[in-house]
C-alpha atoms as a PDB file:
ATOM      1  CA  MET A   1       0.000   0.000   0.000  1.00  0.00           C
ATOM      2  CA  ASP A   2       1.198   3.477  -0.835  1.00  0.00           C
ATOM      3  CA  PHE A   3       2.410   5.405   2.228  1.00  0.00           C
ATOM      4  CA  LYS A   4       0.752   8.641   1.068  1.00  0.00           C
ATOM      5  CA  LEU A   5      -2.597   6.869   0.693  1.00  0.00           C
ATOM      6  CA  LEU A   6      -2.222   5.278   4.121  1.00  0.00           C
ATOM      7  CA  LEU A   7      -1.398   8.651   5.688  1.00  0.00           C
ATOM      8  CA  LYS A   8      -4.327  10.317   3.906  1.00  0.00           C
ATOM      9  CA  THR A   9      -6.705   7.599   5.111  1.00  0.00           C
ATOM     10  CA  TRP A  10      -5.418   7.862   8.658  1.00  0.00           C
ATOM     11  CA  LEU A  11      -5.696  11.667   8.690  1.00  0.00           C
ATOM     12  CA  LEU A  12      -9.268  11.521   7.355  1.00  0.00           C
ATOM     13  CA  LEU A  13     -10.163   9.021  10.046  1.00  0.00           C
ATOM     14  CA  ALA A  14      -8.543  11.239  12.684  1.00  0.00           C
ATOM     15  CA  LEU A  15     -10.481  14.249  11.377  1.00  0.00           C
ATOM     16  CA  GLY A  16     -13.740  12.298  11.437  1.00  0.00           C
ATOM     17  CA  VAL A  17     -13.192  11.027  14.981  1.00  0.00           C
ATOM     18  CA  THR A  18     -12.255  14.536  16.147  1.00  0.00           C
ATOM     19  CA  ILE A  19     -15.370  16.037  14.565  1.00  0.00           C
ATOM     20  CA  ALA A  20     -17.497  13.275  16.098  1.00  0.00           C
ATOM     21  CA  ALA A  21     -15.989  13.961  19.520  1.00  0.00           C
ATOM     22  CA  HIS A  22     -16.752  17.665  19.221  1.00  0.00           C
ATOM     23  CA  THR A  23     -20.317  17.200  17.935  1.00  0.00           C
ATOM     24  CA  ALA A  24     -21.543  14.445  20.274  1.00  0.00           C
ATOM     25  CA  SER A  25     -21.710  14.818  24.010  1.00  0.00           C
ATOM     26  CA  GLY A  26     -21.192  11.074  24.488  1.00  0.00           C
ATOM     27  CA  ILE A  27     -17.891  10.845  22.596  1.00  0.00           C
ATOM     28  CA  HIS A  28     -14.819  12.449  24.108  1.00  0.00           C
ATOM     29  CA  TYR A  29     -11.123  11.935  24.631  1.00  0.00           C
ATOM     30  CA  ASP A  30      -8.945  12.921  27.566  1.00  0.00           C
ATOM     31  CA  SER A  31      -5.779  13.733  25.638  1.00  0.00           C
ATOM     32  CA  GLY A  32      -4.336  13.919  22.169  1.00  0.00           C
ATOM     33  CA  GLY A  33      -2.451  10.706  22.847  1.00  0.00           C
ATOM     34  CA  ALA A  34      -5.696   8.875  23.570  1.00  0.00           C
ATOM     35  CA  LEU A  35      -7.120  10.220  20.304  1.00  0.00           C
ATOM     36  CA  VAL A  36      -4.072   9.012  18.352  1.00  0.00           C
ATOM     37  CA  VAL A  37      -4.284   5.540  19.917  1.00  0.00           C
ATOM     38  CA  ALA A  38      -8.034   5.397  19.248  1.00  0.00           C
ATOM     39  CA  VAL A  39      -7.566   6.355  15.591  1.00  0.00           C
ATOM     40  CA  LEU A  40      -4.761   3.815  15.159  1.00  0.00           C
ATOM     41  CA  LEU A  41      -6.862   1.062  16.740  1.00  0.00           C
ATOM     42  CA  LEU A  42      -9.902   2.054  14.679  1.00  0.00           C
ATOM     43  CA  SER A  43      -7.745   1.916  11.537  1.00  0.00           C
ATOM     44  CA  PHE A  44      -6.537  -1.540  12.514  1.00  0.00           C
ATOM     45  CA  CYS A  45     -10.106  -2.686  13.183  1.00  0.00           C
ATOM     46  CA  ASN A  46     -11.216  -1.334   9.798  1.00  0.00           C
ATOM     47  CA  VAL A  47      -8.485  -3.331   8.076  1.00  0.00           C
ATOM     48  CA  VAL A  48      -8.715  -6.590  10.041  1.00  0.00           C
ATOM     49  CA  LEU A  49     -12.106  -6.960  11.737  1.00  0.00           C
ATOM     50  CA  LYS A  50     -14.440  -5.054   9.417  1.00  0.00           C
ATOM     51  CA  PRO A  51     -13.968  -7.329   6.376  1.00  0.00           C
ATOM     52  CA  LEU A  52     -14.622 -10.405   8.524  1.00  0.00           C
ATOM     53  CA  LEU A  53     -17.713  -8.863  10.096  1.00  0.00           C
ATOM     54  CA  MET A  54     -18.981  -7.813   6.676  1.00  0.00           C
ATOM     55  CA  LEU A  55     -18.440 -11.299   5.288  1.00  0.00           C
ATOM     56  CA  PHE A  56     -20.386 -12.965   8.092  1.00  0.00           C
ATOM     57  CA  SER A  57     -23.175 -10.395   8.020  1.00  0.00           C
ATOM     58  CA  LEU A  58     -23.468 -10.120   4.230  1.00  0.00           C
ATOM     59  CA  PRO A  59     -27.115 -11.297   4.077  1.00  0.00           C
ATOM     60  CA  PHE A  60     -28.057  -8.695   6.701  1.00  0.00           C
ATOM     61  CA  ILE A  61     -26.140  -5.992   4.804  1.00  0.00           C
ATOM     62  CA  ILE A  62     -27.945  -6.892   1.594  1.00  0.00           C
ATOM     63  CA  LEU A  63     -31.368  -6.977   3.285  1.00  0.00           C
ATOM     64  CA  THR A  64     -30.787  -3.557   4.872  1.00  0.00           C
ATOM     65  CA  PHE A  65     -29.420  -2.047   1.643  1.00  0.00           C
ATOM     66  CA  GLY A  66     -26.046  -1.296   3.234  1.00  0.00           C
ATOM     67  CA  ILE A  67     -27.229   0.096   6.568  1.00  0.00           C
ATOM     68  CA  GLY A  68     -25.661  -2.974   8.180  1.00  0.00           C
ATOM     69  CA  ILE A  69     -22.235  -1.546   7.319  1.00  0.00           C
ATOM     70  CA  TRP A  70     -23.090   1.547   9.379  1.00  0.00           C
ATOM     71  CA  LEU A  71     -23.976  -0.720  12.304  1.00  0.00           C
ATOM     72  CA  ILE A  72     -20.667  -2.588  11.939  1.00  0.00           C
ATOM     73  CA  ASN A  73     -18.812   0.734  11.954  1.00  0.00           C
ATOM     74  CA  ALA A  74     -20.692   1.737  15.114  1.00  0.00           C
ATOM     75  CA  LEU A  75     -19.792  -1.551  16.810  1.00  0.00           C
ATOM     76  CA  LEU A  76     -16.128  -1.016  15.942  1.00  0.00           C
ATOM     77  CA  PHE A  77     -16.385   2.543  17.297  1.00  0.00           C
ATOM     78  CA  MET A  78     -17.783   1.171  20.574  1.00  0.00           C
ATOM     79  CA  LEU A  79     -15.063  -1.500  20.692  1.00  0.00           C
ATOM     80  CA  VAL A  80     -12.365   1.139  20.376  1.00  0.00           C
ATOM     81  CA  GLY A  81     -14.087   3.193  23.077  1.00  0.00           C
ATOM     82  CA  ALA A  82     -14.005   0.184  25.391  1.00  0.00           C
ATOM     83  CA  LEU A  83     -10.379  -0.739  24.662  1.00  0.00           C
ATOM     84  CA  VAL A  84      -8.638   2.651  24.647  1.00  0.00           C
ATOM     85  CA  GLU A  85      -8.272   4.300  28.015  1.00  0.00           C
ATOM     86  CA  GLY A  86      -8.943   7.996  27.666  1.00  0.00           C
ATOM     87  CA  PHE A  87     -11.289   7.606  24.659  1.00  0.00           C
ATOM     88  CA  HIS A  88     -14.932   7.339  25.698  1.00  0.00           C
ATOM     89  CA  VAL A  89     -18.028   6.317  23.756  1.00  0.00           C
ATOM     90  CA  LEU A  90     -20.907   6.369  26.216  1.00  0.00           C
ATOM     91  CA  SER A  91     -23.687   4.649  24.256  1.00  0.00           C
ATOM     92  CA  PHE A  92     -24.507   2.799  21.072  1.00  0.00           C
ATOM     93  CA  TRP A  93     -26.348   5.879  19.766  1.00  0.00           C
ATOM     94  CA  ASN A  94     -23.204   7.941  20.208  1.00  0.00           C
ATOM     95  CA  ALA A  95     -21.258   5.229  18.386  1.00  0.00           C
ATOM     96  CA  LEU A  96     -23.798   5.388  15.536  1.00  0.00           C
ATOM     97  CA  TRP A  97     -23.298   9.146  15.382  1.00  0.00           C
ATOM     98  CA  GLY A  98     -19.524   8.751  15.409  1.00  0.00           C
ATOM     99  CA  ALA A  99     -19.632   6.145  12.639  1.00  0.00           C
ATOM    100  CA  LEU A 100     -21.874   8.402  10.567  1.00  0.00           C
ATOM    101  CA  VAL A 101     -19.606  11.423  11.034  1.00  0.00           C
ATOM    102  CA  VAL A 102     -16.476   9.417  10.157  1.00  0.00           C
ATOM    103  CA  SER A 103     -18.181   8.011   7.039  1.00  0.00           C
ATOM    104  CA  LEU A 104     -19.460  11.416   5.916  1.00  0.00           C
ATOM    105  CA  THR A 105     -16.064  13.019   6.534  1.00  0.00           C
ATOM    106  CA  GLY A 106     -14.355  10.395   4.402  1.00  0.00           C
ATOM    107  CA  ALA A 107     -16.986  10.646   1.669  1.00  0.00           C
ATOM    108  CA  ALA A 108     -16.769  14.453   1.579  1.00  0.00           C
ATOM    109  CA  ALA A 109     -12.984  14.368   1.433  1.00  0.00           C
ATOM    110  CA  ASN A 110     -13.033  11.811  -1.362  1.00  0.00           C
ATOM    111  CA  LEU A 111     -15.483  13.957  -3.306  1.00  0.00           C
ATOM    112  CA  LEU A 112     -13.341  17.046  -2.850  1.00  0.00           C
ATOM    113  CA  PHE A 113      -9.821  15.631  -3.092  1.00  0.00           C
ATOM    114  CA  GLY A 114      -9.908  11.964  -4.022  1.00  0.00           C
ATOM    115  CA  THR A 115     -10.228  10.140  -7.253  1.00  0.00           C
ATOM    116  CA  SER A 116     -13.174   8.027  -8.182  1.00  0.00           C
ATOM    117  CA  ARG A 117     -12.744   4.260  -8.314  1.00  0.00           C
ATOM    118  CA  VAL A 118     -15.303   4.042 -11.107  1.00  0.00           C
ATOM    119  CA  ASN A 119     -13.932   4.596 -14.580  1.00  0.00           C
ATOM    120  CA  VAL A 120     -16.534   5.998 -16.950  1.00  0.00           C
ATOM    121  CA  GLN A 121     -15.694   5.999 -20.643  1.00  0.00           C
ATOM    122  CA  THR A 122     -17.717   6.926 -23.639  1.00  0.00           C
ATOM    123  CA  GLY A 123     -17.067   5.357 -26.983  1.00  0.00           C
ATOM    124  CA  THR A 124     -18.630   3.447 -29.801  1.00  0.00           C
ATOM    125  CA  GLY A 125     -20.350   0.205 -28.896  1.00  0.00           C
ATOM    126  CA  GLY A 126     -18.631  -3.115 -29.389  1.00  0.00           C
ATOM    127  CA  SER A 127     -15.519  -4.672 -27.972  1.00  0.00           C
ATOM    128  CA  GLN A 128     -13.237  -1.678 -28.462  1.00  0.00           C
ATOM    129  CA  ALA A 129     -15.109   0.604 -26.054  1.00  0.00           C
ATOM    130  CA  GLY A 130     -13.812  -1.076 -22.910  1.00  0.00           C
ATOM    131  CA  SER A 131     -10.261  -1.561 -24.152  1.00  0.00           C
ATOM    132  CA  ARG A 132      -9.608   1.997 -25.276  1.00  0.00           C
ATOM    133  CA  SER A 133      -7.266   3.985 -23.042  1.00  0.00           C
ATOM    134  CA  SER A 134      -7.639   7.668 -22.345  1.00  0.00           C
ATOM    135  CA  SER A 135      -4.340   8.419 -24.100  1.00  0.00           C
ATOM    136  CA  GLN A 136      -5.606   7.149 -27.470  1.00  0.00           C
ATOM    137  CA  SER A 137      -7.359   9.508 -29.822  1.00  0.00           C
ATOM    138  CA  ARG A 138     -11.130   9.343 -29.905  1.00  0.00           C
ATOM    139  CA  LYS A 139     -13.491   9.665 -32.806  1.00  0.00           C
ATOM    140  CA  PRO A 140     -16.469  11.992 -32.470  1.00  0.00           C
ATOM    141  CA  LEU A 141     -19.580  10.156 -31.338  1.00  0.00           C
ATOM    142  CA  LYS A 142     -23.035  10.257 -32.770  1.00  0.00           C
ATOM    143  CA  ASP A 143     -25.865  11.003 -30.348  1.00  0.00           C
ATOM    144  CA  ASP A 144     -26.984   7.370 -30.216  1.00  0.00           C
ATOM    145  CA  ASP A 145     -23.510   5.819 -29.729  1.00  0.00           C
ATOM    146  CA  ASP A 146     -22.916   6.629 -26.035  1.00  0.00           C
ATOM    147  CA  VAL A 147     -21.626   3.709 -23.972  1.00  0.00           C
ATOM    148  CA  ILE A 148     -20.666   3.764 -20.301  1.00  0.00           C
ATOM    149  CA  ASP A 149     -18.082   1.157 -19.285  1.00  0.00           C
ATOM    150  CA  ILE A 150     -17.546   0.565 -15.611  1.00  0.00           C
END
Protein backbone atom coordinates (compact mmCIF):
# COMPACT_ATOMS: atom_id res chain seq x y z
CA MET A 1 0.00 0.00 0.00
CA ASP A 2 1.20 3.48 -0.83
CA PHE A 3 2.41 5.40 2.23
CA LYS A 4 0.75 8.64 1.07
CA LEU A 5 -2.60 6.87 0.69
CA LEU A 6 -2.22 5.28 4.12
CA LEU A 7 -1.40 8.65 5.69
CA LYS A 8 -4.33 10.32 3.91
CA THR A 9 -6.71 7.60 5.11
CA TRP A 10 -5.42 7.86 8.66
CA LEU A 11 -5.70 11.67 8.69
CA LEU A 12 -9.27 11.52 7.36
CA LEU A 13 -10.16 9.02 10.05
CA ALA A 14 -8.54 11.24 12.68
CA LEU A 15 -10.48 14.25 11.38
CA GLY A 16 -13.74 12.30 11.44
CA VAL A 17 -13.19 11.03 14.98
CA THR A 18 -12.26 14.54 16.15
CA ILE A 19 -15.37 16.04 14.56
CA ALA A 20 -17.50 13.28 16.10
CA ALA A 21 -15.99 13.96 19.52
CA HIS A 22 -16.75 17.66 19.22
CA THR A 23 -20.32 17.20 17.93
CA ALA A 24 -21.54 14.44 20.27
CA SER A 25 -21.71 14.82 24.01
CA GLY A 26 -21.19 11.07 24.49
CA ILE A 27 -17.89 10.85 22.60
CA HIS A 28 -14.82 12.45 24.11
CA TYR A 29 -11.12 11.93 24.63
CA ASP A 30 -8.95 12.92 27.57
CA SER A 31 -5.78 13.73 25.64
CA GLY A 32 -4.34 13.92 22.17
CA GLY A 33 -2.45 10.71 22.85
CA ALA A 34 -5.70 8.88 23.57
CA LEU A 35 -7.12 10.22 20.30
CA VAL A 36 -4.07 9.01 18.35
CA VAL A 37 -4.28 5.54 19.92
CA ALA A 38 -8.03 5.40 19.25
CA VAL A 39 -7.57 6.35 15.59
CA LEU A 40 -4.76 3.82 15.16
CA LEU A 41 -6.86 1.06 16.74
CA LEU A 42 -9.90 2.05 14.68
CA SER A 43 -7.74 1.92 11.54
CA PHE A 44 -6.54 -1.54 12.51
CA CYS A 45 -10.11 -2.69 13.18
CA ASN A 46 -11.22 -1.33 9.80
CA VAL A 47 -8.49 -3.33 8.08
CA VAL A 48 -8.72 -6.59 10.04
CA LEU A 49 -12.11 -6.96 11.74
CA LYS A 50 -14.44 -5.05 9.42
CA PRO A 51 -13.97 -7.33 6.38
CA LEU A 52 -14.62 -10.40 8.52
CA LEU A 53 -17.71 -8.86 10.10
CA MET A 54 -18.98 -7.81 6.68
CA LEU A 55 -18.44 -11.30 5.29
CA PHE A 56 -20.39 -12.97 8.09
CA SER A 57 -23.18 -10.39 8.02
CA LEU A 58 -23.47 -10.12 4.23
CA PRO A 59 -27.11 -11.30 4.08
CA PHE A 60 -28.06 -8.69 6.70
CA ILE A 61 -26.14 -5.99 4.80
CA ILE A 62 -27.95 -6.89 1.59
CA LEU A 63 -31.37 -6.98 3.29
CA THR A 64 -30.79 -3.56 4.87
CA PHE A 65 -29.42 -2.05 1.64
CA GLY A 66 -26.05 -1.30 3.23
CA ILE A 67 -27.23 0.10 6.57
CA GLY A 68 -25.66 -2.97 8.18
CA ILE A 69 -22.23 -1.55 7.32
CA TRP A 70 -23.09 1.55 9.38
CA LEU A 71 -23.98 -0.72 12.30
CA ILE A 72 -20.67 -2.59 11.94
CA ASN A 73 -18.81 0.73 11.95
CA ALA A 74 -20.69 1.74 15.11
CA LEU A 75 -19.79 -1.55 16.81
CA LEU A 76 -16.13 -1.02 15.94
CA PHE A 77 -16.38 2.54 17.30
CA MET A 78 -17.78 1.17 20.57
CA LEU A 79 -15.06 -1.50 20.69
CA VAL A 80 -12.37 1.14 20.38
CA GLY A 81 -14.09 3.19 23.08
CA ALA A 82 -14.01 0.18 25.39
CA LEU A 83 -10.38 -0.74 24.66
CA VAL A 84 -8.64 2.65 24.65
CA GLU A 85 -8.27 4.30 28.02
CA GLY A 86 -8.94 8.00 27.67
CA PHE A 87 -11.29 7.61 24.66
CA HIS A 88 -14.93 7.34 25.70
CA VAL A 89 -18.03 6.32 23.76
CA LEU A 90 -20.91 6.37 26.22
CA SER A 91 -23.69 4.65 24.26
CA PHE A 92 -24.51 2.80 21.07
CA TRP A 93 -26.35 5.88 19.77
CA ASN A 94 -23.20 7.94 20.21
CA ALA A 95 -21.26 5.23 18.39
CA LEU A 96 -23.80 5.39 15.54
CA TRP A 97 -23.30 9.15 15.38
CA GLY A 98 -19.52 8.75 15.41
CA ALA A 99 -19.63 6.14 12.64
CA LEU A 100 -21.87 8.40 10.57
CA VAL A 101 -19.61 11.42 11.03
CA VAL A 102 -16.48 9.42 10.16
CA SER A 103 -18.18 8.01 7.04
CA LEU A 104 -19.46 11.42 5.92
CA THR A 105 -16.06 13.02 6.53
CA GLY A 106 -14.36 10.39 4.40
CA ALA A 107 -16.99 10.65 1.67
CA ALA A 108 -16.77 14.45 1.58
CA ALA A 109 -12.98 14.37 1.43
CA ASN A 110 -13.03 11.81 -1.36
CA LEU A 111 -15.48 13.96 -3.31
CA LEU A 112 -13.34 17.05 -2.85
CA PHE A 113 -9.82 15.63 -3.09
CA GLY A 114 -9.91 11.96 -4.02
CA THR A 115 -10.23 10.14 -7.25
CA SER A 116 -13.17 8.03 -8.18
CA ARG A 117 -12.74 4.26 -8.31
CA VAL A 118 -15.30 4.04 -11.11
CA ASN A 119 -13.93 4.60 -14.58
CA VAL A 120 -16.53 6.00 -16.95
CA GLN A 121 -15.69 6.00 -20.64
CA THR A 122 -17.72 6.93 -23.64
CA GLY A 123 -17.07 5.36 -26.98
CA THR A 124 -18.63 3.45 -29.80
CA GLY A 125 -20.35 0.21 -28.90
CA GLY A 126 -18.63 -3.11 -29.39
CA SER A 127 -15.52 -4.67 -27.97
CA GLN A 128 -13.24 -1.68 -28.46
CA ALA A 129 -15.11 0.60 -26.05
CA GLY A 130 -13.81 -1.08 -22.91
CA SER A 131 -10.26 -1.56 -24.15
CA ARG A 132 -9.61 2.00 -25.28
CA SER A 133 -7.27 3.99 -23.04
CA SER A 134 -7.64 7.67 -22.35
CA SER A 135 -4.34 8.42 -24.10
CA GLN A 136 -5.61 7.15 -27.47
CA SER A 137 -7.36 9.51 -29.82
CA ARG A 138 -11.13 9.34 -29.90
CA LYS A 139 -13.49 9.67 -32.81
CA PRO A 140 -16.47 11.99 -32.47
CA LEU A 141 -19.58 10.16 -31.34
CA LYS A 142 -23.04 10.26 -32.77
CA ASP A 143 -25.87 11.00 -30.35
CA ASP A 144 -26.98 7.37 -30.22
CA ASP A 145 -23.51 5.82 -29.73
CA ASP A 146 -22.92 6.63 -26.03
CA VAL A 147 -21.63 3.71 -23.97
CA ILE A 148 -20.67 3.76 -20.30
CA ASP A 149 -18.08 1.16 -19.28
CA ILE A 150 -17.55 0.56 -15.61
